[in-house]
Amino acid sequence: MITDADIVKLKKVFVTKQELKREIDRANNYTEKLFMSLSKDLLDFKKEMVEFKERTSKTLDWLVGAFKKFDEEHTILYARY
């Protein structure tokens, strides 16, 4: 037979349902906080990438426009000579 003293010793060694539920809840809370933090970081990164893409597109548009103008001027000067 198991005595009350044995049950007390077993409780020290094994996890009880309440302790297990507490640990699961703590893990779920941690996971949820981590997920929210990561999703915020991803949204910030997405905003930065959109801004970078826009800046790059504007710069490339300017560069292509300048090159096209230079090419047209070069063609006119070549035809003149």
C-alpha atoms as a PDB file:
ATOM      1  CA  MET A   1       0.000   0.000   0.000  1.00  0.00           C
ATOM      2  CA  ILE A   2       1.045   3.568  -0.640  1.00  0.00           C
ATOM      3  CA  THR A   3       1.148   5.702   2.461  1.00  0.00           C
ATOM      4  CA  ASP A   4       0.643   9.442   2.761  1.00  0.00           C
ATOM      5  CA  ALA A   5       4.384   9.836   3.232  1.00  0.00           C
ATOM      6  CA  ASP A   6       4.950   8.031  -0.090  1.00  0.00           C
ATOM      7  CA  ILE A   7       2.526  10.404  -1.839  1.00  0.00           C
ATOM      8  CA  VAL A   8       4.384  13.404  -0.429  1.00  0.00           C
ATOM      9  CA  LYS A   9       7.674  11.971  -1.693  1.00  0.00           C
ATOM     10  CA  LEU A  10       6.152  11.288  -5.118  1.00  0.00           C
ATOM     11  CA  LYS A  11       4.836  14.851  -5.347  1.00  0.00           C
ATOM     12  CA  LYS A  12       8.389  16.099  -4.825  1.00  0.00           C
ATOM     13  CA  VAL A  13       9.663  13.938  -7.701  1.00  0.00           C
ATOM     14  CA  PHE A  14       6.823  14.055 -10.244  1.00  0.00           C
ATOM     15  CA  VAL A  15       4.915  16.973 -11.689  1.00  0.00           C
ATOM     16  CA  THR A  16       1.341  17.512 -10.619  1.00  0.00           C
ATOM     17  CA  LYS A  17      -1.460  18.463 -13.018  1.00  0.00           C
ATOM     18  CA  GLN A  18      -1.576  21.988 -11.634  1.00  0.00           C
ATOM     19  CA  GLU A  19       2.165  22.481 -12.047  1.00  0.00           C
ATOM     20  CA  LEU A  20       2.024  21.099 -15.572  1.00  0.00           C
ATOM     21  CA  LYS A  21      -0.880  23.404 -16.496  1.00  0.00           C
ATOM     22  CA  ARG A  22       1.014  26.388 -15.056  1.00  0.00           C
ATOM     23  CA  GLU A  23       4.087  25.542 -17.125  1.00  0.00           C
ATOM     24  CA  ILE A  24       2.020  25.072 -20.274  1.00  0.00           C
ATOM     25  CA  ASP A  25       0.295  28.422 -19.707  1.00  0.00           C
ATOM     26  CA  ARG A  26       3.646  30.102 -19.095  1.00  0.00           C
ATOM     27  CA  ALA A  27       5.052  28.578 -22.292  1.00  0.00           C
ATOM     28  CA  ASN A  28       1.971  29.654 -24.259  1.00  0.00           C
ATOM     29  CA  ASN A  29       2.270  33.214 -22.937  1.00  0.00           C
ATOM     30  CA  TYR A  30       5.956  33.313 -23.804  1.00  0.00           C
ATOM     31  CA  THR A  31       5.264  31.955 -27.283  1.00  0.00           C
ATOM     32  CA  GLU A  32       2.509  34.502 -27.847  1.00  0.00           C
ATOM     33  CA  LYS A  33       4.733  37.384 -26.717  1.00  0.00           C
ATOM     34  CA  LEU A  34       7.560  36.126 -28.907  1.00  0.00           C
ATOM     35  CA  PHE A  35       5.231  35.830 -31.902  1.00  0.00           C
ATOM     36  CA  MET A  36       3.871  39.345 -31.388  1.00  0.00           C
ATOM     37  CA  SER A  37       7.394  40.713 -31.108  1.00  0.00           C
ATOM     38  CA  LEU A  38       8.484  38.917 -34.265  1.00  0.00           C
ATOM     39  CA  SER A  39       5.422  40.048 -36.191  1.00  0.00           C
ATOM     40  CA  LYS A  40       6.130  43.656 -35.149  1.00  0.00           C
ATOM     41  CA  ASP A  41       9.748  43.290 -36.248  1.00  0.00           C
ATOM     42  CA  LEU A  42       8.631  41.833 -39.577  1.00  0.00           C
ATOM     43  CA  LEU A  43       6.225  44.715 -40.166  1.00  0.00           C
ATOM     44  CA  ASP A  44       9.000  47.204 -39.408  1.00  0.00           C
ATOM     45  CA  PHE A  45      11.330  45.363 -41.783  1.00  0.00           C
ATOM     46  CA  LYS A  46       8.647  45.353 -44.484  1.00  0.00           C
ATOM     47  CA  LYS A  47       8.210  49.126 -44.129  1.00  0.00           C
ATOM     48  CA  GLU A  48      11.969  49.639 -44.410  1.00  0.00           C
ATOM     49  CA  MET A  49      12.134  47.451 -47.518  1.00  0.00           C
ATOM     50  CA  VAL A  50       9.258  49.340 -49.174  1.00  0.00           C
ATOM     51  CA  GLU A  51      10.999  52.651 -48.459  1.00  0.00           C
ATOM     52  CA  PHE A  52      14.291  51.262 -49.799  1.00  0.00           C
ATOM     53  CA  LYS A  53      12.570  50.026 -52.944  1.00  0.00           C
ATOM     54  CA  GLU A  54      10.964  53.425 -53.524  1.00  0.00           C
ATOM     55  CA  ARG A  55      14.270  55.270 -53.017  1.00  0.00           C
ATOM     56  CA  THR A  56      16.049  52.841 -55.321  1.00  0.00           C
ATOM     57  CA  SER A  57      13.376  53.153 -57.993  1.00  0.00           C
ATOM     58  CA  LYS A  58      13.524  56.962 -57.848  1.00  0.00           C
ATOM     59  CA  THR A  59      17.314  56.917 -58.081  1.00  0.00           C
ATOM     60  CA  LEU A  60      17.277  54.482 -60.982  1.00  0.00           C
ATOM     61  CA  ASP A  61      14.581  56.522 -62.752  1.00  0.00           C
ATOM     62  CA  TRP A  62      16.746  59.614 -62.440  1.00  0.00           C
ATOM     63  CA  LEU A  63      19.821  57.723 -63.617  1.00  0.00           C
ATOM     64  CA  VAL A  64      18.033  56.223 -66.623  1.00  0.00           C
ATOM     65  CA  GLY A  65      16.613  59.644 -67.497  1.00  0.00           C
ATOM     66  CA  ALA A  66      20.060  61.240 -67.276  1.00  0.00           C
ATOM     67  CA  PHE A  67      21.597  58.483 -69.396  1.00  0.00           C
ATOM     68  CA  LYS A  68      18.829  58.806 -71.999  1.00  0.00           C
ATOM     69  CA  LYS A  69      19.364  62.580 -72.165  1.00  0.00           C
ATOM     70  CA  PHE A  70      23.127  62.062 -72.478  1.00  0.00           C
ATOM     71  CA  ASP A  71      22.571  59.481 -75.226  1.00  0.00           C
ATOM     72  CA  GLU A  72      20.288  61.854 -77.134  1.00  0.00           C
ATOM     73  CA  GLU A  73      22.815  64.684 -76.835  1.00  0.00           C
ATOM     74  CA  HIS A  74      25.590  62.362 -77.944  1.00  0.00           C
ATOM     75  CA  THR A  75      23.522  61.262 -80.974  1.00  0.00           C
ATOM     76  CA  ILE A  76      22.879  64.892 -81.966  1.00  0.00           C
ATOM     77  CA  LEU A  77      26.552  65.821 -81.596  1.00  0.00           C
ATOM     78  CA  TYR A  78      27.589  62.731 -83.591  1.00  0.00           C
ATOM     79  CA  ALA A  79      25.168  63.630 -86.391  1.00  0.00           C
ATOM     80  CA  ARG A  80      26.506  67.191 -86.415  1.00  0.00           C
ATOM     81  CA  TYR A  81      30.097  66.045 -87.005  1.00  0.00           C
END
